[in-house]
């Protein structure tokens, strides 16, 4: 199965208030600097920037509380 395109991944939640953010732009890849998406929280005006590779990594990981327990070997 193919990985989701970075633009179709849900935006990150605000680190301060926990409300979803809105993408307000993207900074193109220039030289060695990677592509960066810029998000803003409408509730507290917090600005967040995320590199798409890191965004995909965090969306694939599940918090420990939602992971399924491992079954012991039989």
PDB file of N, CA and C in Angstrom:
ATOM      1  N   UNK A   1       0.844  -1.172   0.000  1.00  0.00           N
ATOM      2  CA  UNK A   1       0.000   0.000   0.000  1.00  0.00           C
ATOM      3  C   UNK A   1       0.893   1.241   0.000  1.00  0.00           C
ATOM      4  N   UNK A   2       0.548   2.222  -0.785  1.00  0.00           N
ATOM      5  CA  UNK A   2       1.352   3.436  -0.903  1.00  0.00           C
ATOM      6  C   UNK A   2       1.167   4.333   0.319  1.00  0.00           C
ATOM      7  N   UNK A   3       2.212   5.053   0.650  1.00  0.00           N
ATOM      8  CA  UNK A   3       2.146   6.006   1.768  1.00  0.00           C
ATOM      9  C   UNK A   3       1.301   7.205   1.359  1.00  0.00           C
ATOM     10  N   UNK A   4       0.574   7.819   2.289  1.00  0.00           N
ATOM     11  CA  UNK A   4      -0.246   8.973   1.938  1.00  0.00           C
ATOM     12  C   UNK A   4       0.620  10.148   1.517  1.00  0.00           C
ATOM     13  N   UNK A   5       0.110  10.932   0.575  1.00  0.00           N
ATOM     14  CA  UNK A   5       0.822  12.119   0.124  1.00  0.00           C
ATOM     15  C   UNK A   5       0.868  13.111   1.273  1.00  0.00           C
ATOM     16  N   UNK A   6       2.003  13.804   1.500  1.00  0.00           N
ATOM     17  CA  UNK A   6       2.136  14.707   2.645  1.00  0.00           C
ATOM     18  C   UNK A   6       1.039  15.767   2.727  1.00  0.00           C
ATOM     19  N   UNK A   7       0.511  16.208   1.590  1.00  0.00           N
ATOM     20  CA  UNK A   7      -0.511  17.242   1.633  1.00  0.00           C
ATOM     21  C   UNK A   7      -1.866  16.700   2.077  1.00  0.00           C
ATOM     22  N   UNK A   8      -2.049  15.362   2.041  1.00  0.00           N
ATOM     23  CA  UNK A   8      -3.322  14.781   2.442  1.00  0.00           C
ATOM     24  C   UNK A   8      -3.329  14.342   3.906  1.00  0.00           C
ATOM     25  N   UNK A   9      -2.189  14.431   4.576  1.00  0.00           N
ATOM     26  CA  UNK A   9      -2.077  14.064   5.985  1.00  0.00           C
ATOM     27  C   UNK A   9      -2.723  15.158   6.833  1.00  0.00           C
ATOM     28  N   UNK A  10      -3.379  14.756   7.916  1.00  0.00           N
ATOM     29  CA  UNK A  10      -4.013  15.738   8.791  1.00  0.00           C
ATOM     30  C   UNK A  10      -2.980  16.686   9.390  1.00  0.00           C
ATOM     31  N   UNK A  11      -3.339  17.955   9.530  1.00  0.00           N
ATOM     32  CA  UNK A  11      -2.399  18.911  10.117  1.00  0.00           C
ATOM     33  C   UNK A  11      -2.164  18.601  11.596  1.00  0.00           C
ATOM     34  N   UNK A  12      -1.019  19.024  12.131  1.00  0.00           N
ATOM     35  CA  UNK A  12      -0.724  18.738  13.538  1.00  0.00           C
ATOM     36  C   UNK A  12      -1.614  19.535  14.477  1.00  0.00           C
ATOM     37  N   UNK A  13      -1.726  19.067  15.691  1.00  0.00           N
ATOM     38  CA  UNK A  13      -2.460  19.802  16.724  1.00  0.00           C
ATOM     39  C   UNK A  13      -1.545  20.838  17.344  1.00  0.00           C
ATOM     40  N   UNK A  14      -2.132  21.903  17.850  1.00  0.00           N
ATOM     41  CA  UNK A  14      -1.385  22.978  18.499  1.00  0.00           C
ATOM     42  C   UNK A  14      -0.704  22.433  19.751  1.00  0.00           C
ATOM     43  N   UNK A  15       0.558  22.796  19.947  1.00  0.00           N
ATOM     44  CA  UNK A  15       1.303  22.333  21.114  1.00  0.00           C
ATOM     45  C   UNK A  15       0.846  23.008  22.396  1.00  0.00           C
ATOM     46  N   UNK A  16       0.221  24.175  22.295  1.00  0.00           N
ATOM     47  CA  UNK A  16      -0.197  24.927  23.478  1.00  0.00           C
ATOM     48  C   UNK A  16      -1.614  24.552  23.921  1.00  0.00           C
ATOM     49  N   UNK A  17      -2.589  24.642  22.990  1.00  0.00           N
ATOM     50  CA  UNK A  17      -3.983  24.428  23.394  1.00  0.00           C
ATOM     51  C   UNK A  17      -4.564  23.096  22.909  1.00  0.00           C
ATOM     52  N   UNK A  18      -3.896  22.390  21.993  1.00  0.00           N
ATOM     53  CA  UNK A  18      -4.363  21.084  21.547  1.00  0.00           C
ATOM     54  C   UNK A  18      -5.405  21.108  20.445  1.00  0.00           C
ATOM     55  N   UNK A  19      -5.782  22.288  19.968  1.00  0.00           N
ATOM     56  CA  UNK A  19      -6.768  22.402  18.895  1.00  0.00           C
ATOM     57  C   UNK A  19      -6.058  22.191  17.559  1.00  0.00           C
ATOM     58  N   UNK A  20      -6.776  21.675  16.559  1.00  0.00           N
ATOM     59  CA  UNK A  20      -6.205  21.452  15.243  1.00  0.00           C
ATOM     60  C   UNK A  20      -5.740  22.760  14.611  1.00  0.00           C
ATOM     61  N   UNK A  21      -4.697  22.673  13.781  1.00  0.00           N
ATOM     62  CA  UNK A  21      -4.157  23.846  13.118  1.00  0.00           C
ATOM     63  C   UNK A  21      -4.592  23.886  11.657  1.00  0.00           C
ATOM     64  N   UNK A  22      -4.332  25.007  11.002  1.00  0.00           N
ATOM     65  CA  UNK A  22      -4.669  25.200   9.599  1.00  0.00           C
ATOM     66  C   UNK A  22      -3.381  25.516   8.844  1.00  0.00           C
ATOM     67  N   UNK A  23      -3.186  24.863   7.698  1.00  0.00           N
ATOM     68  CA  UNK A  23      -1.980  25.141   6.926  1.00  0.00           C
ATOM     69  C   UNK A  23      -2.116  26.497   6.250  1.00  0.00           C
ATOM     70  N   UNK A  24      -1.136  27.370   6.479  1.00  0.00           N
ATOM     71  CA  UNK A  24      -1.203  28.709   5.903  1.00  0.00           C
ATOM     72  C   UNK A  24      -0.186  28.888   4.776  1.00  0.00           C
ATOM     73  N   UNK A  25       0.670  27.908   4.563  1.00  0.00           N
ATOM     74  CA  UNK A  25       1.619  28.013   3.466  1.00  0.00           C
ATOM     75  C   UNK A  25       2.671  26.931   3.504  1.00  0.00           C
ATOM     76  N   UNK A  26       3.537  26.983   2.495  1.00  0.00           N
ATOM     77  CA  UNK A  26       4.673  26.066   2.495  1.00  0.00           C
ATOM     78  C   UNK A  26       5.882  26.804   1.942  1.00  0.00           C
ATOM     79  N   UNK A  27       7.030  26.501   2.526  1.00  0.00           N
ATOM     80  CA  UNK A  27       8.291  27.080   2.094  1.00  0.00           C
ATOM     81  C   UNK A  27       8.976  26.044   1.217  1.00  0.00           C
ATOM     82  N   UNK A  28       9.295  26.383  -0.027  1.00  0.00           N
ATOM     83  CA  UNK A  28       9.867  25.394  -0.947  1.00  0.00           C
ATOM     84  C   UNK A  28      11.267  24.954  -0.545  1.00  0.00           C
ATOM     85  N   UNK A  29      11.662  23.813  -1.071  1.00  0.00           N
ATOM     86  CA  UNK A  29      13.004  23.302  -0.831  1.00  0.00           C
ATOM     87  C   UNK A  29      13.981  24.176  -1.598  1.00  0.00           C
ATOM     88  N   UNK A  30      14.977  24.702  -0.903  1.00  0.00           N
ATOM     89  CA  UNK A  30      16.002  25.528  -1.531  1.00  0.00           C
ATOM     90  C   UNK A  30      17.358  25.044  -1.030  1.00  0.00           C
ATOM     91  N   UNK A  31      18.176  24.615  -1.957  1.00  0.00           N
ATOM     92  CA  UNK A  31      19.501  24.120  -1.584  1.00  0.00           C
ATOM     93  C   UNK A  31      19.398  22.936  -0.647  1.00  0.00           C
ATOM     94  N   UNK A  32      20.072  23.028   0.481  1.00  0.00           N
ATOM     95  CA  UNK A  32      20.051  21.939   1.461  1.00  0.00           C
ATOM     96  C   UNK A  32      18.873  22.017   2.418  1.00  0.00           C
ATOM     97  N   UNK A  33      18.152  23.131   2.420  1.00  0.00           N
ATOM     98  CA  UNK A  33      17.009  23.292   3.317  1.00  0.00           C
ATOM     99  C   UNK A  33      15.822  22.475   2.791  1.00  0.00           C
ATOM    100  N   UNK A  34      15.167  21.681   3.620  1.00  0.00           N
ATOM    101  CA  UNK A  34      14.047  20.846   3.151  1.00  0.00           C
ATOM    102  C   UNK A  34      12.754  21.649   2.981  1.00  0.00           C
ATOM    103  N   UNK A  35      11.790  21.033   2.305  1.00  0.00           N
ATOM    104  CA  UNK A  35      10.453  21.594   2.181  1.00  0.00           C
ATOM    105  C   UNK A  35       9.843  21.697   3.574  1.00  0.00           C
ATOM    106  N   UNK A  36       9.136  22.805   3.866  1.00  0.00           N
ATOM    107  CA  UNK A  36       8.537  23.010   5.183  1.00  0.00           C
ATOM    108  C   UNK A  36       7.110  23.510   5.014  1.00  0.00           C
ATOM    109  N   UNK A  37       6.168  22.890   5.729  1.00  0.00           N
ATOM    110  CA  UNK A  37       4.782  23.364   5.758  1.00  0.00           C
ATOM    111  C   UNK A  37       4.604  24.231   6.998  1.00  0.00           C
ATOM    112  N   UNK A  38       3.837  25.314   6.870  1.00  0.00           N
ATOM    113  CA  UNK A  38       3.616  26.235   7.977  1.00  0.00           C
ATOM    114  C   UNK A  38       2.149  26.175   8.376  1.00  0.00           C
ATOM    115  N   UNK A  39       1.884  25.971   9.673  1.00  0.00           N
ATOM    116  CA  UNK A  39       0.531  25.850  10.212  1.00  0.00           C
ATOM    117  C   UNK A  39       0.299  26.923  11.264  1.00  0.00           C
ATOM    118  N   UNK A  40      -0.972  27.290  11.446  1.00  0.00           N
ATOM    119  CA  UNK A  40      -1.331  28.295  12.447  1.00  0.00           C
ATOM    120  C   UNK A  40      -2.558  27.813  13.220  1.00  0.00           C
ATOM    121  N   UNK A  41      -2.527  28.025  14.536  1.00  0.00           N
ATOM    122  CA  UNK A  41      -3.674  27.731  15.387  1.00  0.00           C
ATOM    123  C   UNK A  41      -4.524  28.998  15.450  1.00  0.00           C
ATOM    124  N   UNK A  42      -5.776  28.906  15.060  1.00  0.00           N
ATOM    125  CA  UNK A  42      -6.659  30.074  15.094  1.00  0.00           C
ATOM    126  C   UNK A  42      -7.017  30.485  16.523  1.00  0.00           C
ATOM    127  N   UNK A  43      -7.002  29.543  17.453  1.00  0.00           N
ATOM    128  CA  UNK A  43      -7.402  29.849  18.823  1.00  0.00           C
ATOM    129  C   UNK A  43      -6.357  30.676  19.567  1.00  0.00           C
ATOM    130  N   UNK A  44      -5.077  30.304  19.436  1.00  0.00           N
ATOM    131  CA  UNK A  44      -4.048  31.000  20.215  1.00  0.00           C
ATOM    132  C   UNK A  44      -2.963  31.658  19.351  1.00  0.00           C
ATOM    133  N   UNK A  45      -3.137  31.655  18.044  1.00  0.00           N
ATOM    134  CA  UNK A  45      -2.211  32.278  17.087  1.00  0.00           C
ATOM    135  C   UNK A  45      -0.796  31.709  17.129  1.00  0.00           C
ATOM    136  N   UNK A  46      -0.641  30.468  17.568  1.00  0.00           N
ATOM    137  CA  UNK A  46       0.654  29.795  17.580  1.00  0.00           C
ATOM    138  C   UNK A  46       0.999  29.364  16.155  1.00  0.00           C
ATOM    139  N   UNK A  47       2.214  29.661  15.695  1.00  0.00           N
ATOM    140  CA  UNK A  47       2.689  29.248  14.376  1.00  0.00           C
ATOM    141  C   UNK A  47       3.600  28.044  14.554  1.00  0.00           C
ATOM    142  N   UNK A  48       3.405  27.027  13.701  1.00  0.00           N
ATOM    143  CA  UNK A  48       4.196  25.808  13.760  1.00  0.00           C
ATOM    144  C   UNK A  48       4.687  25.474  12.366  1.00  0.00           C
ATOM    145  N   UNK A  49       5.916  25.015  12.237  1.00  0.00           N
ATOM    146  CA  UNK A  49       6.429  24.567  10.945  1.00  0.00           C
ATOM    147  C   UNK A  49       6.819  23.098  11.053  1.00  0.00           C
ATOM    148  N   UNK A  50       6.546  22.352   9.973  1.00  0.00           N
ATOM    149  CA  UNK A  50       6.792  20.912   9.982  1.00  0.00           C
ATOM    150  C   UNK A  50       7.389  20.502   8.653  1.00  0.00           C
ATOM    151  N   UNK A  51       8.450  19.702   8.707  1.00  0.00           N
ATOM    152  CA  UNK A  51       8.998  19.100   7.498  1.00  0.00           C
ATOM    153  C   UNK A  51       8.117  17.896   7.162  1.00  0.00           C
ATOM    154  N   UNK A  52       7.716  17.711   5.886  1.00  0.00           N
ATOM    155  CA  UNK A  52       6.804  16.612   5.535  1.00  0.00           C
ATOM    156  C   UNK A  52       7.284  15.235   5.979  1.00  0.00           C
ATOM    157  N   UNK A  53       8.567  14.944   5.894  1.00  0.00           N
ATOM    158  CA  UNK A  53       9.069  13.637   6.328  1.00  0.00           C
ATOM    159  C   UNK A  53       8.802  13.416   7.799  1.00  0.00           C
ATOM    160  N   UNK A  54       9.009  14.441   8.610  1.00  0.00           N
ATOM    161  CA  UNK A  54       8.750  14.322  10.048  1.00  0.00           C
ATOM    162  C   UNK A  54       7.265  14.216  10.335  1.00  0.00           C
ATOM    163  N   UNK A  55       6.446  14.907   9.551  1.00  0.00           N
ATOM    164  CA  UNK A  55       4.993  14.848   9.726  1.00  0.00           C
ATOM    165  C   UNK A  55       4.501  13.439   9.465  1.00  0.00           C
ATOM    166  N   UNK A  56       5.021  12.782   8.420  1.00  0.00           N
ATOM    167  CA  UNK A  56       4.629  11.406   8.118  1.00  0.00           C
ATOM    168  C   UNK A  56       5.051  10.466   9.233  1.00  0.00           C
ATOM    169  N   UNK A  57       6.266  10.658   9.781  1.00  0.00           N
ATOM    170  CA  UNK A  57       6.737   9.797  10.863  1.00  0.00           C
ATOM    171  C   UNK A  57       5.840   9.901  12.085  1.00  0.00           C
ATOM    172  N   UNK A  58       5.433  11.117  12.445  1.00  0.00           N
ATOM    173  CA  UNK A  58       4.603  11.282  13.631  1.00  0.00           C
ATOM    174  C   UNK A  58       3.194  10.780  13.402  1.00  0.00           C
ATOM    175  N   UNK A  59       2.683  10.849  12.161  1.00  0.00           N
ATOM    176  CA  UNK A  59       1.335  10.363  11.911  1.00  0.00           C
ATOM    177  C   UNK A  59       1.301   8.840  11.883  1.00  0.00           C
ATOM    178  N   UNK A  60       2.430   8.190  11.583  1.00  0.00           N
ATOM    179  CA  UNK A  60       2.487   6.729  11.567  1.00  0.00           C
ATOM    180  C   UNK A  60       2.604   6.149  12.963  1.00  0.00           C
ATOM    181  N   UNK A  61       3.262   6.885  13.846  1.00  0.00           N
ATOM    182  CA  UNK A  61       3.433   6.409  15.220  1.00  0.00           C
ATOM    183  C   UNK A  61       2.133   6.538  15.985  1.00  0.00           C
ATOM    184  N   UNK A  62       1.893   5.563  16.843  1.00  0.00           N
ATOM    185  CA  UNK A  62       0.734   5.650  17.723  1.00  0.00           C
ATOM    186  C   UNK A  62       1.231   5.854  19.134  1.00  0.00           C
ATOM    187  N   UNK A  63       0.514   6.649  19.927  1.00  0.00           N
ATOM    188  CA  UNK A  63       0.916   6.800  21.324  1.00  0.00           C
ATOM    189  C   UNK A  63       0.902   5.442  22.025  1.00  0.00           C
ATOM    190  N   UNK A  64       1.715   5.283  23.034  1.00  0.00           N
ATOM    191  CA  UNK A  64       1.831   4.006  23.741  1.00  0.00           C
ATOM    192  C   UNK A  64       0.488   3.526  24.277  1.00  0.00           C
ATOM    193  N   UNK A  65      -0.388   4.425  24.661  1.00  0.00           N
ATOM    194  CA  UNK A  65      -1.670   4.029  25.233  1.00  0.00           C
ATOM    195  C   UNK A  65      -2.604   3.404  24.203  1.00  0.00           C
ATOM    196  N   UNK A  66      -2.384   3.663  22.897  1.00  0.00           N
ATOM    197  CA  UNK A  66      -3.270   3.101  21.874  1.00  0.00           C
ATOM    198  C   UNK A  66      -2.642   1.923  21.145  1.00  0.00           C
ATOM    199  N   UNK A  67      -1.393   1.572  21.489  1.00  0.00           N
ATOM    200  CA  UNK A  67      -0.758   0.428  20.853  1.00  0.00           C
ATOM    201  C   UNK A  67      -1.356  -0.860  21.368  1.00  0.00           C
ATOM    202  N   UNK A  68      -1.377  -1.850  20.488  1.00  0.00           N
ATOM    203  CA  UNK A  68      -1.860  -3.163  20.894  1.00  0.00           C
ATOM    204  C   UNK A  68      -0.763  -3.873  21.661  1.00  0.00           C
ATOM    205  N   UNK A  69      -1.122  -4.564  22.740  1.00  0.00           N
ATOM    206  CA  UNK A  69      -0.084  -5.292  23.505  1.00  0.00           C
ATOM    207  C   UNK A  69       0.459  -6.437  22.673  1.00  0.00           C
ATOM    208  N   UNK A  70       1.729  -6.737  22.866  1.00  0.00           N
ATOM    209  CA  UNK A  70       2.355  -7.854  22.155  1.00  0.00           C
ATOM    210  C   UNK A  70       1.952  -9.153  22.831  1.00  0.00           C
ATOM    211  N   UNK A  71       1.692 -10.142  22.021  1.00  0.00           N
ATOM    212  CA  UNK A  71       1.353 -11.464  22.551  1.00  0.00           C
ATOM    213  C   UNK A  71       2.630 -12.237  22.765  1.00  0.00           C
ATOM    214  N   UNK A  72       2.758 -12.902  23.901  1.00  0.00           N
ATOM    215  CA  UNK A  72       3.967 -13.685  24.154  1.00  0.00           C
ATOM    216  C   UNK A  72       4.088 -14.829  23.145  1.00  0.00           C
ATOM    217  N   UNK A  73       5.306 -15.230  22.844  1.00  0.00           N
ATOM    218  CA  UNK A  73       5.531 -16.343  21.928  1.00  0.00           C
ATOM    219  C   UNK A  73       4.987 -17.627  22.537  1.00  0.00           C
ATOM    220  N   UNK A  74       4.456 -18.449  21.701  1.00  0.00           N
ATOM    221  CA  UNK A  74       3.868 -19.695  22.222  1.00  0.00           C
ATOM    222  C   UNK A  74       4.818 -20.820  22.120  1.00  0.00           C
TER     223      UNK A  74
END
